[in-house]
Amino acid sequence: MLFRDITPLLADASGLALSVELLANPFRGKNIDLVVGAESRGFIFGTAVACCLSAGFALVRKPGKLPHKRVAMKYELEYGTDTLEMHEDAIVKGQRVLVVDDVLATGGTMKACCDLVRHLGGNLVGVAVLIELEALKGRNKIEPVKVHSVLNY
């Protein structure tokens, strides 16, 4: 697996601002109530996109890191399984939700995030990622959800 280092982008004020705008723009006027971001870089971009869209933000974390009652979703990795959790009251039924992350690769993490949103009664409007690694076909795991990627490799 080839990893893309986004830390130089995060350190550059104009590059970071442009990235956030490009992630948020397709969802302006779509009445997004809540942005969901997965640990850990989804927190960086998700909270910024939430601010741009005047929406709230909810966390998806690895097991045992959230303080209140949680729901969990297992997902497949290339080398096994893992689990993600959200607070059980993170989403109000019917809220319009956008999931944001830095990278869409194999789609396992994103599918778990989308499944958590649906399980909690959210109306999944779409997914926005900074980078999509197209050869890994991650978007196929979350079809028919609309996927917006800023950069495609």
C-alpha atoms as a PDB file:
ATOM      1  CA  MET A   1       0.000   0.000   0.000  1.00  0.00           C
ATOM      2  CA  LEU A   2       1.362   3.423  -0.961  1.00  0.00           C
ATOM      3  CA  PHE A   3       0.504   6.089   1.605  1.00  0.00           C
ATOM      4  CA  ARG A   4      -0.016   9.741   0.661  1.00  0.00           C
ATOM      5  CA  ASP A   5       1.400  12.245   3.155  1.00  0.00           C
ATOM      6  CA  ILE A   6      -1.029  15.135   3.641  1.00  0.00           C
ATOM      7  CA  THR A   7       0.910  16.860   6.428  1.00  0.00           C
ATOM      8  CA  PRO A   8       2.502  19.443   4.069  1.00  0.00           C
ATOM      9  CA  LEU A   9      -0.988  20.356   2.875  1.00  0.00           C
ATOM     10  CA  LEU A  10      -2.215  20.741   6.454  1.00  0.00           C
ATOM     11  CA  ALA A  11       0.746  23.039   7.234  1.00  0.00           C
ATOM     12  CA  ASP A  12      -0.007  25.362   4.304  1.00  0.00           C
ATOM     13  CA  ALA A  13      -2.795  27.831   5.184  1.00  0.00           C
ATOM     14  CA  SER A  14      -3.982  28.409   1.625  1.00  0.00           C
ATOM     15  CA  GLY A  15      -3.738  24.730   0.676  1.00  0.00           C
ATOM     16  CA  LEU A  16      -5.718  23.671   3.723  1.00  0.00           C
ATOM     17  CA  ALA A  17      -8.371  26.337   3.138  1.00  0.00           C
ATOM     18  CA  LEU A  18      -8.720  25.357  -0.523  1.00  0.00           C
ATOM     19  CA  SER A  19      -8.990  21.674   0.384  1.00  0.00           C
ATOM     20  CA  VAL A  20     -11.811  22.353   2.821  1.00  0.00           C
ATOM     21  CA  GLU A  21     -13.660  24.537   0.305  1.00  0.00           C
ATOM     22  CA  LEU A  22     -13.330  21.898  -2.415  1.00  0.00           C
ATOM     23  CA  LEU A  23     -14.671  19.249  -0.042  1.00  0.00           C
ATOM     24  CA  ALA A  24     -17.626  21.400   1.051  1.00  0.00           C
ATOM     25  CA  ASN A  25     -18.666  23.109  -2.192  1.00  0.00           C
ATOM     26  CA  PRO A  26     -20.685  20.271  -3.796  1.00  0.00           C
ATOM     27  CA  PHE A  27     -22.801  20.060  -0.635  1.00  0.00           C
ATOM     28  CA  ARG A  28     -23.626  23.751  -0.211  1.00  0.00           C
ATOM     29  CA  GLY A  29     -27.367  24.281  -0.354  1.00  0.00           C
ATOM     30  CA  LYS A  30     -28.017  20.581   0.313  1.00  0.00           C
ATOM     31  CA  ASN A  31     -29.269  21.272   3.857  1.00  0.00           C
ATOM     32  CA  ILE A  32     -26.635  19.150   5.580  1.00  0.00           C
ATOM     33  CA  ASP A  33     -27.486  18.898   9.286  1.00  0.00           C
ATOM     34  CA  LEU A  34     -24.500  16.879  10.436  1.00  0.00           C
ATOM     35  CA  VAL A  35     -21.038  15.982   9.195  1.00  0.00           C
ATOM     36  CA  VAL A  36     -19.556  12.699  10.395  1.00  0.00           C
ATOM     37  CA  GLY A  37     -15.792  12.177  10.456  1.00  0.00           C
ATOM     38  CA  ALA A  38     -13.775   9.077  11.253  1.00  0.00           C
ATOM     39  CA  GLU A  39     -10.748   8.954  13.500  1.00  0.00           C
ATOM     40  CA  SER A  40      -8.384  10.580  12.974  1.00  0.00           C
ATOM     41  CA  ARG A  41      -7.914  12.695   9.860  1.00  0.00           C
ATOM     42  CA  GLY A  42     -11.647  12.715   9.264  1.00  0.00           C
ATOM     43  CA  PHE A  43     -11.788  14.896  12.381  1.00  0.00           C
ATOM     44  CA  ILE A  44      -9.533  17.496  10.733  1.00  0.00           C
ATOM     45  CA  PHE A  45     -11.468  17.834   7.498  1.00  0.00           C
ATOM     46  CA  GLY A  46     -14.900  16.956   8.877  1.00  0.00           C
ATOM     47  CA  THR A  47     -15.040  19.712  11.479  1.00  0.00           C
ATOM     48  CA  ALA A  48     -13.842  22.295   8.956  1.00  0.00           C
ATOM     49  CA  VAL A  49     -16.430  21.170   6.387  1.00  0.00           C
ATOM     50  CA  ALA A  50     -19.120  21.232   9.089  1.00  0.00           C
ATOM     51  CA  CYS A  51     -18.236  24.875   9.820  1.00  0.00           C
ATOM     52  CA  CYS A  52     -18.427  25.734   6.094  1.00  0.00           C
ATOM     53  CA  LEU A  53     -21.856  24.123   5.839  1.00  0.00           C
ATOM     54  CA  SER A  54     -23.183  25.481   9.151  1.00  0.00           C
ATOM     55  CA  ALA A  55     -23.686  21.912  10.307  1.00  0.00           C
ATOM     56  CA  GLY A  56     -22.887  19.981  13.439  1.00  0.00           C
ATOM     57  CA  PHE A  57     -20.155  17.365  13.693  1.00  0.00           C
ATOM     58  CA  ALA A  58     -20.170  13.802  15.054  1.00  0.00           C
ATOM     59  CA  LEU A  59     -17.240  11.496  15.777  1.00  0.00           C
ATOM     60  CA  VAL A  60     -16.610   7.954  14.614  1.00  0.00           C
ATOM     61  CA  ARG A  61     -13.920   6.378  16.783  1.00  0.00           C
ATOM     62  CA  LYS A  62     -12.098   3.176  17.443  1.00  0.00           C
ATOM     63  CA  PRO A  63     -13.583   0.988  20.197  1.00  0.00           C
ATOM     64  CA  GLY A  64     -13.569   2.213  23.781  1.00  0.00           C
ATOM     65  CA  LYS A  65     -12.685   5.841  23.096  1.00  0.00           C
ATOM     66  CA  LEU A  66     -16.142   7.414  23.376  1.00  0.00           C
ATOM     67  CA  PRO A  67     -17.417   8.191  26.889  1.00  0.00           C
ATOM     68  CA  HIS A  68     -21.163   7.496  26.555  1.00  0.00           C
ATOM     69  CA  LYS A  69     -23.401   4.709  25.253  1.00  0.00           C
ATOM     70  CA  ARG A  70     -22.190   3.583  21.854  1.00  0.00           C
ATOM     71  CA  VAL A  71     -23.174   1.553  18.832  1.00  0.00           C
ATOM     72  CA  ALA A  72     -20.514  -0.454  17.029  1.00  0.00           C
ATOM     73  CA  MET A  73     -19.995  -1.585  13.446  1.00  0.00           C
ATOM     74  CA  LYS A  74     -17.499  -4.272  12.424  1.00  0.00           C
ATOM     75  CA  TYR A  75     -15.865  -4.014   9.026  1.00  0.00           C
ATOM     76  CA  GLU A  76     -13.469  -5.933   6.823  1.00  0.00           C
ATOM     77  CA  LEU A  77      -9.826  -4.999   6.357  1.00  0.00           C
ATOM     78  CA  GLU A  78      -7.417  -6.483   3.850  1.00  0.00           C
ATOM     79  CA  TYR A  79      -5.882  -8.429   6.741  1.00  0.00           C
ATOM     80  CA  GLY A  80      -8.815  -9.054   9.119  1.00  0.00           C
ATOM     81  CA  THR A  81     -11.582  -7.062  10.761  1.00  0.00           C
ATOM     82  CA  ASP A  82     -11.883  -3.945  12.886  1.00  0.00           C
ATOM     83  CA  THR A  83     -14.653  -2.023  14.622  1.00  0.00           C
ATOM     84  CA  LEU A  84     -15.798   1.600  14.692  1.00  0.00           C
ATOM     85  CA  GLU A  85     -18.183   3.231  17.176  1.00  0.00           C
ATOM     86  CA  MET A  86     -20.443   6.275  17.486  1.00  0.00           C
ATOM     87  CA  HIS A  87     -22.469   7.596  20.385  1.00  0.00           C
ATOM     88  CA  GLU A  88     -25.934   6.115  20.111  1.00  0.00           C
ATOM     89  CA  ASP A  89     -27.448   9.623  20.271  1.00  0.00           C
ATOM     90  CA  ALA A  90     -25.030  11.225  17.773  1.00  0.00           C
ATOM     91  CA  ILE A  91     -27.639  11.381  15.012  1.00  0.00           C
ATOM     92  CA  VAL A  92     -31.247  12.466  15.260  1.00  0.00           C
ATOM     93  CA  LYS A  93     -33.442  10.278  13.064  1.00  0.00           C
ATOM     94  CA  GLY A  94     -33.902  11.915   9.671  1.00  0.00           C
ATOM     95  CA  GLN A  95     -30.915  14.267   9.902  1.00  0.00           C
ATOM     96  CA  ARG A  96     -29.191  14.887   6.576  1.00  0.00           C
ATOM     97  CA  VAL A  97     -25.657  13.569   7.012  1.00  0.00           C
ATOM     98  CA  LEU A  98     -22.425  13.971   5.058  1.00  0.00           C
ATOM     99  CA  VAL A  99     -19.481  11.670   5.824  1.00  0.00           C
ATOM    100  CA  VAL A 100     -16.024  13.244   5.381  1.00  0.00           C
ATOM    101  CA  ASP A 101     -12.589  11.630   5.461  1.00  0.00           C
ATOM    102  CA  ASP A 102      -9.138  12.246   4.071  1.00  0.00           C
ATOM    103  CA  VAL A 103      -8.813   9.101   1.928  1.00  0.00           C
ATOM    104  CA  LEU A 104     -11.106   6.558   0.304  1.00  0.00           C
ATOM    105  CA  ALA A 105      -9.028   3.441  -0.332  1.00  0.00           C
ATOM    106  CA  THR A 106     -10.536  -0.055  -0.033  1.00  0.00           C
ATOM    107  CA  GLY A 107     -13.778   1.366   1.367  1.00  0.00           C
ATOM    108  CA  GLY A 108     -13.967  -0.668   4.578  1.00  0.00           C
ATOM    109  CA  THR A 109     -13.794   2.280   6.963  1.00  0.00           C
ATOM    110  CA  MET A 110     -16.137   4.372   4.836  1.00  0.00           C
ATOM    111  CA  LYS A 111     -18.680   1.557   4.563  1.00  0.00           C
ATOM    112  CA  ALA A 112     -18.657   1.169   8.359  1.00  0.00           C
ATOM    113  CA  CYS A 113     -19.206   4.929   8.758  1.00  0.00           C
ATOM    114  CA  CYS A 114     -22.088   4.905   6.280  1.00  0.00           C
ATOM    115  CA  ASP A 115     -23.609   1.844   7.970  1.00  0.00           C
ATOM    116  CA  LEU A 116     -23.409   3.590  11.369  1.00  0.00           C
ATOM    117  CA  VAL A 117     -25.159   6.665   9.948  1.00  0.00           C
ATOM    118  CA  ARG A 118     -27.978   4.537   8.534  1.00  0.00           C
ATOM    119  CA  HIS A 119     -28.231   2.408  11.685  1.00  0.00           C
ATOM    120  CA  LEU A 120     -28.754   5.561  13.763  1.00  0.00           C
ATOM    121  CA  GLY A 121     -31.484   6.806  11.399  1.00  0.00           C
ATOM    122  CA  GLY A 122     -29.493   9.380   9.453  1.00  0.00           C
ATOM    123  CA  ASN A 123     -30.318  10.288   5.869  1.00  0.00           C
ATOM    124  CA  LEU A 124     -26.952   9.754   4.149  1.00  0.00           C
ATOM    125  CA  VAL A 125     -26.601  12.555   1.583  1.00  0.00           C
ATOM    126  CA  GLY A 126     -23.087  11.729   0.430  1.00  0.00           C
ATOM    127  CA  VAL A 127     -19.414  11.165   1.104  1.00  0.00           C
ATOM    128  CA  ALA A 128     -16.609  13.675   0.576  1.00  0.00           C
ATOM    129  CA  VAL A 129     -12.937  12.674   0.583  1.00  0.00           C
ATOM    130  CA  LEU A 130      -9.798  14.604  -0.167  1.00  0.00           C
ATOM    131  CA  ILE A 131      -8.095  11.687  -1.952  1.00  0.00           C
ATOM    132  CA  GLU A 132      -9.552   8.643  -3.677  1.00  0.00           C
ATOM    133  CA  LEU A 133      -7.292   5.740  -4.612  1.00  0.00           C
ATOM    134  CA  GLU A 134      -9.340   4.602  -7.605  1.00  0.00           C
ATOM    135  CA  ALA A 135      -7.519   1.319  -8.251  1.00  0.00           C
ATOM    136  CA  LEU A 136      -8.707  -0.009  -4.869  1.00  0.00           C
ATOM    137  CA  LYS A 137     -12.378   0.484  -5.889  1.00  0.00           C
ATOM    138  CA  GLY A 138     -13.526   1.632  -2.436  1.00  0.00           C
ATOM    139  CA  ARG A 139     -16.521   3.500  -3.829  1.00  0.00           C
ATOM    140  CA  ASN A 140     -17.975   0.175  -4.981  1.00  0.00           C
ATOM    141  CA  LYS A 141     -18.475  -0.849  -1.323  1.00  0.00           C
ATOM    142  CA  ILE A 142     -20.692   2.155  -0.588  1.00  0.00           C
ATOM    143  CA  GLU A 143     -22.759   2.380  -3.770  1.00  0.00           C
ATOM    144  CA  PRO A 144     -25.168   3.990  -4.513  1.00  0.00           C
ATOM    145  CA  VAL A 145     -23.959   6.757  -2.152  1.00  0.00           C
ATOM    146  CA  LYS A 146     -22.737   9.868  -3.956  1.00  0.00           C
ATOM    147  CA  VAL A 147     -18.933  10.131  -3.571  1.00  0.00           C
ATOM    148  CA  HIS A 148     -17.127  13.427  -4.105  1.00  0.00           C
ATOM    149  CA  SER A 149     -13.325  13.187  -4.227  1.00  0.00           C
ATOM    150  CA  VAL A 150     -11.072  16.210  -4.649  1.00  0.00           C
ATOM    151  CA  LEU A 151      -7.997  14.293  -5.878  1.00  0.00           C
ATOM    152  CA  ASN A 152      -8.004  10.972  -7.656  1.00  0.00           C
ATOM    153  CA  TYR A 153      -5.011   8.661  -7.938  1.00  0.00           C
END
